[in-house]
Amino acid sequence: MFDILTLNKIAACGLEQLDADKYNVTDDASKNADGIILRSFSMHDMELAPSLKAVARAGAGTNNIPIDKCSEKGIVVFNTPGANANAVKELVLASLFLSSRKINDGIAWANTLTGDDVAKQVEKGKANFAGQEVQGKTLGVIGLGAIGIKVANAAQHLGMNVIGYDPYLSVDAAWRLSSHIRRASKIEDVYQNSDYITIHVPLTPETKNTINSDTLAIMKDGVRILNFARGELVNNDDIKKAISDGKVSCYVCDFPNGEVVNQPGIIAIPHLGASTKESEDNCAMMAAQELADYLENGNILNSVNFPNCSLPMGNVGRITIAHKNIPNMITQFTKAFAETGINISDMINKSKKEMAYTIINSDDMITNEIVDKISAIDGVLKIRTIK
């Protein structure tokens, strides 16, 4: 029986993926859980129990999880890329129109009108809220992951010219990208040629403040910028100055803070990107399925700190090893099996930056002796016997 701790309210359809005969789901944080499922709860001040094997984030962003600390302890952290992509895509498309047509300002003004001649006031004042159409304009999409691709393809169907930039575009993503989307070889091509720019990249030290005074300077005058990835990707001081100078016509941000609310030229949306029932359900189900496959079978899919790694179950024994990505590890693992007289029937090893993961199926039951031998190898972070 695995103990699963929920740190946020998780959609019931997600928790139903966890067999009640195998899982005890609780929100009691005092329990020493085998796995955690959460959404936005911050784990940075939490003690990580020795029993903890995996954390599953029902969503794409993992800034609320101490990734480095988890990696050091061999704890696999999952997210759910693509599960909320359609919800975010739809809000990005809505924001294209919001940024173009002064809809918010017009509605706010209309709600101030009184008297018997409201219709006449509307006709007289509507010229103050004239905007532009998106058809025929150029949209630059920075980041062609699950969300970026959906946005790019949908914008192309709206009649926009679309430029996409992603130096790490996967083969699978490339297949899903419309052939009508122009791939930029340099991000500067997006900055210089776009009437609208939408950013869809993870927040890292390298991507923080991607939109700043320098990048804004090479953009078209009157550019409209949409940010539904992370607030820190855009420098707030620089974007406000660009709006004041007329460089930027509108900035739409899904991550309001004190620097962007109630600011002219900024539409602050209260983090609604993935706030649909369908998205929450999809994320919860995907997170639970990833967690279950790891706890029951040792397979990894969609981890942010360890590589994707899976192997069909053998008939007898299985051991999984989370370890550092350093030379001579596989040799030491196989030597430990040889010294204990246990034959390896199948094995797979994958790496991701500093971390690596190995699954070994054997023709015999995994013994405490071999677990002790492998645990003693320098660089091994966590070892599990699956069967």
Protein backbone atom coordinates (compact mmCIF):
# COMPACT_ATOMS: atom_id res chain seq x y z
CA MET A 1 0.00 0.00 0.00
CA PHE A 2 1.36 3.40 -1.03
CA ASP A 3 0.56 6.55 0.96
CA ILE A 4 -0.18 9.57 -1.25
CA LEU A 5 -0.27 13.09 0.20
CA THR A 6 -2.35 15.77 -1.56
CA LEU A 7 -1.22 19.34 -0.85
CA ASN A 8 -4.01 20.97 -2.87
CA LYS A 9 -7.53 19.97 -3.80
CA ILE A 10 -7.05 17.50 -6.64
CA ALA A 11 -9.86 16.70 -9.08
CA ALA A 12 -11.67 13.50 -8.11
CA CYS A 13 -11.23 12.03 -11.59
CA GLY A 14 -7.47 12.23 -11.01
CA LEU A 15 -7.47 10.51 -7.64
CA GLU A 16 -9.72 7.82 -9.11
CA GLN A 17 -6.71 6.76 -11.21
CA LEU A 18 -5.15 5.46 -7.99
CA ASP A 19 -6.46 1.99 -7.16
CA ALA A 20 -7.97 2.06 -3.67
CA ASP A 21 -6.50 -1.40 -3.02
CA LYS A 22 -2.99 -0.04 -3.61
CA TYR A 23 -3.16 3.59 -2.49
CA ASN A 24 -4.12 5.45 0.65
CA VAL A 25 -4.77 9.10 -0.30
CA THR A 26 -4.64 11.68 2.50
CA ASP A 27 -4.19 15.41 3.04
CA ASP A 28 -2.54 14.81 6.42
CA ALA A 29 0.94 16.31 6.00
CA SER A 30 2.20 14.51 9.11
CA LYS A 31 2.09 11.21 7.20
CA ASN A 32 5.34 9.87 5.76
CA ALA A 33 4.10 9.68 2.19
CA ASP A 34 5.48 7.66 -0.71
CA GLY A 35 4.21 10.23 -3.18
CA ILE A 36 2.83 13.76 -3.30
CA ILE A 37 0.32 15.26 -5.73
CA LEU A 38 -0.06 19.04 -5.71
CA ARG A 39 -0.92 22.05 -7.81
CA SER A 40 0.35 25.45 -6.60
CA PHE A 41 1.24 24.66 -2.96
CA SER A 42 4.81 25.74 -2.16
CA MET A 43 6.98 22.87 -0.92
CA HIS A 44 10.12 24.94 -0.39
CA ASP A 45 9.79 25.01 3.39
CA MET A 46 8.72 21.37 3.71
CA GLU A 47 10.84 18.62 5.17
CA LEU A 48 11.11 15.79 2.65
CA ALA A 49 10.38 12.51 4.40
CA PRO A 50 12.82 9.62 3.81
CA SER A 51 9.85 7.63 2.48
CA LEU A 52 9.13 10.15 -0.30
CA LYS A 53 9.82 8.71 -3.74
CA ALA A 54 8.04 11.04 -6.14
CA VAL A 55 6.22 14.36 -6.45
CA ALA A 56 3.65 14.94 -9.19
CA ARG A 57 2.67 18.49 -10.10
CA ALA A 58 -0.79 18.68 -11.70
CA GLY A 59 0.35 21.40 -14.09
CA ALA A 60 3.36 22.39 -16.14
CA GLY A 61 5.26 24.80 -13.86
CA THR A 62 7.34 23.40 -11.00
CA ASN A 63 8.73 26.59 -9.41
CA ASN A 64 6.84 25.71 -6.22
CA ILE A 65 8.85 22.49 -5.81
CA PRO A 66 12.47 22.33 -4.51
CA ILE A 67 13.82 20.51 -7.56
CA ASP A 68 17.47 20.51 -6.49
CA LYS A 69 16.68 19.16 -3.03
CA CYS A 70 14.50 16.43 -4.54
CA SER A 71 17.23 15.48 -7.02
CA GLU A 72 19.82 15.14 -4.26
CA LYS A 73 17.54 12.66 -2.51
CA GLY A 74 16.64 10.72 -5.66
CA ILE A 75 13.04 11.95 -5.57
CA VAL A 76 11.51 12.06 -9.05
CA VAL A 77 9.48 15.20 -9.82
CA PHE A 78 6.79 14.93 -12.50
CA ASN A 79 4.76 17.58 -14.28
CA THR A 80 1.96 17.34 -16.83
CA PRO A 81 3.08 19.05 -20.04
CA GLY A 82 0.28 19.54 -22.52
CA ALA A 83 -2.55 18.69 -20.15
CA ASN A 84 -3.55 22.34 -19.80
CA ALA A 85 -2.34 23.44 -23.24
CA ASN A 86 -5.75 23.94 -24.81
CA ALA A 87 -7.01 26.03 -21.90
CA VAL A 88 -3.99 28.34 -22.10
CA LYS A 89 -4.20 28.50 -25.89
CA GLU A 90 -7.81 29.69 -25.74
CA LEU A 91 -6.96 32.44 -23.25
CA VAL A 92 -3.99 33.56 -25.37
CA LEU A 93 -6.29 33.86 -28.39
CA ALA A 94 -8.79 35.84 -26.32
CA SER A 95 -5.96 38.12 -25.25
CA LEU A 96 -4.95 38.74 -28.85
CA PHE A 97 -8.35 40.35 -29.34
CA LEU A 98 -8.31 42.10 -25.95
CA SER A 99 -4.97 43.70 -26.79
CA SER A 100 -6.19 44.77 -30.23
CA ARG A 101 -9.68 46.15 -29.75
CA LYS A 102 -9.67 48.06 -26.42
CA ILE A 103 -12.53 45.82 -25.31
CA ASN A 104 -11.84 46.18 -21.60
CA ASP A 105 -11.67 49.97 -21.75
CA GLY A 106 -14.80 50.13 -23.86
CA ILE A 107 -16.81 47.95 -21.49
CA ALA A 108 -15.62 49.94 -18.46
CA TRP A 109 -16.66 53.19 -20.17
CA ALA A 110 -20.06 51.82 -21.27
CA ASN A 111 -20.81 50.82 -17.69
CA THR A 112 -20.45 54.45 -16.60
CA LEU A 113 -23.16 55.72 -18.94
CA THR A 114 -26.49 56.82 -17.53
CA GLY A 115 -29.62 58.65 -18.69
CA ASP A 116 -32.14 58.14 -21.46
CA ASP A 117 -29.67 58.72 -24.29
CA VAL A 118 -27.17 55.95 -23.60
CA ALA A 119 -27.39 54.74 -27.20
CA LYS A 120 -26.47 58.21 -28.49
CA GLN A 121 -23.58 58.46 -26.02
CA VAL A 122 -22.30 55.09 -27.24
CA GLU A 123 -22.33 56.19 -30.88
CA LYS A 124 -20.60 59.43 -30.00
CA GLY A 125 -17.91 57.91 -27.78
CA LYS A 126 -17.11 54.59 -29.45
CA ALA A 127 -14.43 56.14 -31.67
CA ASN A 128 -12.24 56.44 -28.56
CA PHE A 129 -11.98 52.65 -28.47
CA ALA A 130 -11.12 51.86 -32.06
CA GLY A 131 -8.57 49.09 -32.49
CA GLN A 132 -7.08 46.89 -35.16
CA GLU A 133 -7.79 43.45 -36.59
CA VAL A 134 -5.40 40.54 -36.12
CA GLN A 135 -5.92 39.16 -39.62
CA GLY A 136 -2.88 39.83 -41.78
CA LYS A 137 -0.73 40.82 -38.80
CA THR A 138 2.38 38.91 -37.73
CA LEU A 139 2.47 36.93 -34.50
CA GLY A 140 5.82 35.88 -33.06
CA VAL A 141 5.71 32.78 -30.86
CA ILE A 142 8.72 32.29 -28.58
CA GLY A 143 8.75 28.67 -27.41
CA LEU A 144 7.14 25.92 -29.49
CA GLY A 145 6.17 23.45 -26.80
CA ALA A 146 2.68 22.05 -26.25
CA ILE A 147 1.10 25.49 -25.76
CA GLY A 148 3.20 27.46 -28.24
CA ILE A 149 2.40 25.06 -31.07
CA LYS A 150 -1.34 25.21 -30.39
CA VAL A 151 -1.23 29.02 -30.31
CA ALA A 152 0.83 29.21 -33.52
CA ASN A 153 -1.44 26.84 -35.44
CA ALA A 154 -4.63 28.55 -34.24
CA ALA A 155 -3.29 32.02 -35.07
CA GLN A 156 -2.42 30.86 -38.56
CA HIS A 157 -6.03 29.73 -39.01
CA LEU A 158 -7.13 33.23 -37.94
CA GLY A 159 -5.28 34.60 -40.95
CA MET A 160 -2.18 35.75 -39.12
CA ASN A 161 1.38 35.37 -40.38
CA VAL A 162 3.19 33.37 -37.70
CA ILE A 163 6.89 33.23 -36.89
CA GLY A 164 8.00 30.60 -34.38
CA TYR A 165 11.27 30.40 -32.49
CA ASP A 166 12.49 27.45 -30.43
CA PRO A 167 16.10 26.24 -30.57
CA TYR A 168 15.11 23.06 -28.74
CA LEU A 169 12.14 22.05 -30.90
CA SER A 170 11.61 18.30 -30.61
CA VAL A 171 10.92 16.04 -33.57
CA ASP A 172 7.46 15.25 -32.19
CA ALA A 173 6.66 18.95 -31.80
CA ALA A 174 7.90 19.68 -35.31
CA TRP A 175 5.42 17.17 -36.72
CA ARG A 176 2.57 18.95 -34.92
CA LEU A 177 3.56 22.41 -36.15
CA SER A 178 1.72 23.64 -39.23
CA SER A 179 3.86 23.82 -42.35
CA HIS A 180 2.62 27.40 -42.77
CA ILE A 181 4.52 28.54 -39.66
CA ARG A 182 7.84 30.16 -40.46
CA ARG A 183 10.68 28.95 -38.24
CA ALA A 184 13.05 31.70 -37.12
CA SER A 185 16.71 30.77 -36.77
CA LYS A 186 17.34 33.68 -34.40
CA ILE A 187 15.07 35.15 -31.74
CA GLU A 188 15.91 38.61 -33.11
CA ASP A 189 13.85 37.70 -36.21
CA VAL A 190 10.80 37.44 -33.97
CA TYR A 191 11.51 40.73 -32.23
CA GLN A 192 12.06 42.67 -35.44
CA ASN A 193 9.17 41.35 -37.53
CA SER A 194 6.24 40.77 -35.16
CA ASP A 195 3.20 42.92 -34.51
CA TYR A 196 2.33 40.65 -31.60
CA ILE A 197 4.68 38.53 -29.49
CA THR A 198 3.61 35.71 -27.18
CA ILE A 199 6.15 33.92 -24.97
CA HIS A 200 5.86 30.26 -23.93
CA VAL A 201 9.14 29.16 -22.35
CA PRO A 202 9.96 27.88 -18.84
CA LEU A 203 11.43 30.29 -16.31
CA THR A 204 15.13 29.62 -15.82
CA PRO A 205 18.06 31.87 -14.91
CA GLU A 206 18.72 32.11 -18.66
CA THR A 207 15.16 33.06 -19.64
CA LYS A 208 14.44 35.49 -16.80
CA ASN A 209 13.82 39.00 -18.20
CA THR A 210 13.77 37.72 -21.79
CA ILE A 211 11.68 40.79 -22.59
CA ASN A 212 13.77 43.75 -21.42
CA SER A 213 14.87 47.19 -22.55
CA ASP A 214 17.39 45.75 -25.02
CA THR A 215 14.98 43.33 -26.69
CA LEU A 216 12.16 45.88 -26.65
CA ALA A 217 14.40 48.34 -28.48
CA ILE A 218 14.58 46.15 -31.59
CA MET A 219 10.84 45.45 -31.73
CA LYS A 220 8.35 47.22 -33.95
CA ASP A 221 6.77 50.39 -32.60
CA GLY A 222 3.32 49.59 -31.23
CA VAL A 223 4.04 45.90 -30.61
CA ARG A 224 1.64 43.98 -28.38
CA ILE A 225 3.14 41.45 -25.94
CA LEU A 226 1.38 38.50 -24.30
CA ASN A 227 2.82 36.59 -21.34
CA PHE A 228 1.07 33.43 -20.20
CA ALA A 229 4.21 31.51 -19.19
CA ARG A 230 5.78 33.19 -16.13
CA GLY A 231 5.71 36.79 -14.94
CA GLU A 232 9.47 37.04 -14.50
CA LEU A 233 10.08 36.44 -18.20
CA VAL A 234 9.21 40.11 -18.72
CA ASN A 235 10.97 42.94 -16.91
CA ASN A 236 8.10 44.98 -15.46
CA ASP A 237 9.98 48.28 -15.22
CA ASP A 238 11.15 48.02 -18.81
CA ILE A 239 7.73 47.11 -20.17
CA LYS A 240 6.05 50.00 -18.33
CA LYS A 241 8.60 52.46 -19.74
CA ALA A 242 8.09 51.02 -23.23
CA ILE A 243 4.34 51.56 -22.87
CA SER A 244 4.88 55.11 -21.66
CA ASP A 245 7.20 55.80 -24.61
CA GLY A 246 4.70 54.35 -27.10
CA LYS A 247 6.96 51.45 -28.05
CA VAL A 248 4.49 48.89 -26.71
CA SER A 249 0.76 49.34 -27.32
CA CYS A 250 -0.39 46.73 -24.84
CA TYR A 251 1.01 44.13 -22.47
CA VAL A 252 -1.23 41.25 -21.38
CA CYS A 253 0.02 39.37 -18.34
CA ASP A 254 -1.50 36.37 -16.57
CA PHE A 255 0.64 36.93 -13.46
CA PRO A 256 -0.49 40.15 -11.75
CA ASN A 257 1.54 41.74 -9.00
CA GLY A 258 1.74 45.21 -7.52
CA GLU A 259 3.89 46.41 -10.40
CA VAL A 260 1.44 45.65 -13.21
CA VAL A 261 -2.08 46.06 -11.83
CA ASN A 262 -3.93 49.30 -12.53
CA GLN A 263 -1.28 50.37 -15.04
CA PRO A 264 -2.16 52.05 -18.35
CA GLY A 265 -1.59 49.80 -21.32
CA ILE A 266 -1.43 46.64 -19.19
CA ILE A 267 -4.19 44.03 -19.02
CA ALA A 268 -3.62 41.98 -15.87
CA ILE A 269 -5.49 38.66 -15.92
CA PRO A 270 -5.65 36.86 -12.54
CA HIS A 271 -3.69 33.71 -13.52
CA LEU A 272 -6.56 32.10 -15.41
CA GLY A 273 -4.48 30.31 -18.03
CA ALA A 274 -5.25 26.78 -16.85
CA SER A 275 -8.36 27.61 -14.85
CA THR A 276 -10.88 25.44 -16.61
CA LYS A 277 -12.54 22.30 -15.34
CA GLU A 278 -11.25 20.37 -18.32
CA SER A 279 -7.67 21.49 -17.70
CA GLU A 280 -7.76 20.69 -13.99
CA ASP A 281 -9.21 17.25 -14.74
CA ASN A 282 -6.62 16.51 -17.44
CA CYS A 283 -3.72 17.61 -15.21
CA ALA A 284 -4.96 15.61 -12.22
CA MET A 285 -5.42 12.41 -14.24
CA MET A 286 -2.06 12.74 -15.95
CA ALA A 287 -0.23 13.43 -12.68
CA ALA A 288 -1.84 10.44 -10.96
CA GLN A 289 -1.05 8.12 -13.87
CA GLU A 290 2.60 9.21 -13.94
CA LEU A 291 2.90 8.73 -10.20
CA ALA A 292 1.26 5.28 -10.28
CA ASP A 293 3.46 4.01 -13.12
CA TYR A 294 6.54 5.11 -11.23
CA LEU A 295 5.56 3.72 -7.83
CA GLU A 296 4.25 0.42 -9.19
CA ASN A 297 6.62 -0.21 -12.10
CA GLY A 298 9.54 2.18 -11.68
CA ASN A 299 8.91 3.81 -15.07
CA ILE A 300 9.50 7.54 -15.56
CA LEU A 301 7.57 9.75 -17.99
CA ASN A 302 7.52 13.58 -17.91
CA SER A 303 9.98 14.12 -15.09
CA VAL A 304 11.64 17.52 -14.82
CA ASN A 305 14.73 16.28 -12.97
CA PHE A 306 15.24 12.68 -14.19
CA PRO A 307 15.17 11.26 -17.73
CA ASN A 308 12.22 9.49 -19.32
CA CYS A 309 13.00 5.81 -18.78
CA SER A 310 10.74 2.77 -19.05
CA LEU A 311 11.06 -0.98 -19.50
CA PRO A 312 8.47 -3.77 -19.73
CA MET A 313 8.17 -5.71 -16.50
CA GLY A 314 10.10 -8.97 -16.27
CA ASN A 315 8.80 -12.17 -14.73
CA VAL A 316 10.78 -12.16 -11.49
CA GLY A 317 12.79 -9.28 -10.07
CA ARG A 318 13.16 -5.55 -10.79
CA ILE A 319 15.37 -2.93 -9.22
CA THR A 320 15.46 0.80 -10.06
CA ILE A 321 18.35 3.13 -9.32
CA ALA A 322 18.31 6.93 -9.28
CA HIS A 323 21.91 8.05 -9.49
CA LYS A 324 24.28 10.76 -10.61
CA ASN A 325 25.29 10.87 -14.25
CA ILE A 326 28.96 9.99 -13.78
CA PRO A 327 31.27 7.44 -15.47
CA ASN A 328 31.50 3.77 -14.52
CA MET A 329 28.08 3.49 -12.84
CA ILE A 330 26.68 0.77 -15.12
CA THR A 331 29.85 -1.30 -14.76
CA GLN A 332 29.53 -1.18 -11.00
CA PHE A 333 25.85 -2.16 -11.10
CA THR A 334 26.46 -5.17 -13.33
CA LYS A 335 29.47 -6.18 -11.22
CA ALA A 336 27.26 -6.18 -8.10
CA PHE A 337 24.81 -8.53 -9.84
CA ALA A 338 27.64 -10.81 -10.97
CA GLU A 339 29.14 -10.98 -7.49
CA THR A 340 25.82 -12.09 -6.03
CA GLY A 341 25.17 -14.64 -8.77
CA ILE A 342 22.01 -12.98 -10.06
CA ASN A 343 21.55 -12.81 -13.83
CA ILE A 344 20.34 -9.61 -15.51
CA SER A 345 17.59 -10.35 -18.04
CA ASP A 346 17.03 -6.80 -19.26
CA MET A 347 18.33 -3.34 -18.47
CA ILE A 348 17.96 0.29 -19.53
CA ASN A 349 19.89 3.40 -18.52
CA LYS A 350 19.05 7.00 -19.38
CA SER A 351 20.56 10.32 -18.35
CA LYS A 352 19.42 13.93 -18.08
CA LYS A 353 22.09 16.51 -17.35
CA GLU A 354 23.56 15.63 -13.92
CA MET A 355 20.98 12.93 -13.15
CA ALA A 356 20.60 9.36 -14.45
CA TYR A 357 18.23 6.46 -13.94
CA THR A 358 18.64 2.72 -14.43
CA ILE A 359 16.07 -0.07 -14.47
CA ILE A 360 17.29 -3.66 -14.18
CA ASN A 361 15.14 -6.80 -14.60
CA SER A 362 16.62 -10.02 -13.23
CA ASP A 363 15.97 -13.75 -13.51
CA ASP A 364 15.90 -14.03 -9.72
CA MET A 365 14.38 -12.18 -6.80
CA ILE A 366 16.29 -9.06 -5.78
CA THR A 367 18.11 -9.78 -2.50
CA ASN A 368 19.07 -7.49 0.34
CA GLU A 369 22.70 -8.28 -0.46
CA ILE A 370 22.53 -6.76 -3.91
CA VAL A 371 20.55 -3.77 -2.65
CA ASP A 372 23.26 -3.14 -0.06
CA LYS A 373 26.04 -3.48 -2.64
CA ILE A 374 24.45 -1.00 -5.05
CA SER A 375 23.44 1.41 -2.28
CA ALA A 376 27.09 1.60 -1.23
CA ILE A 377 28.21 2.78 -4.67
CA ASP A 378 29.22 6.44 -4.65
CA GLY A 379 26.71 8.47 -6.68
CA VAL A 380 23.66 6.28 -5.99
CA LEU A 381 20.83 8.48 -4.68
CA LYS A 382 17.90 6.12 -4.23
CA ILE A 383 17.37 2.43 -4.94
CA ARG A 384 14.03 0.64 -5.05
CA THR A 385 13.05 -3.00 -5.30
CA ILE A 386 9.87 -3.21 -7.38
CA LYS A 387 9.36 -6.99 -7.29
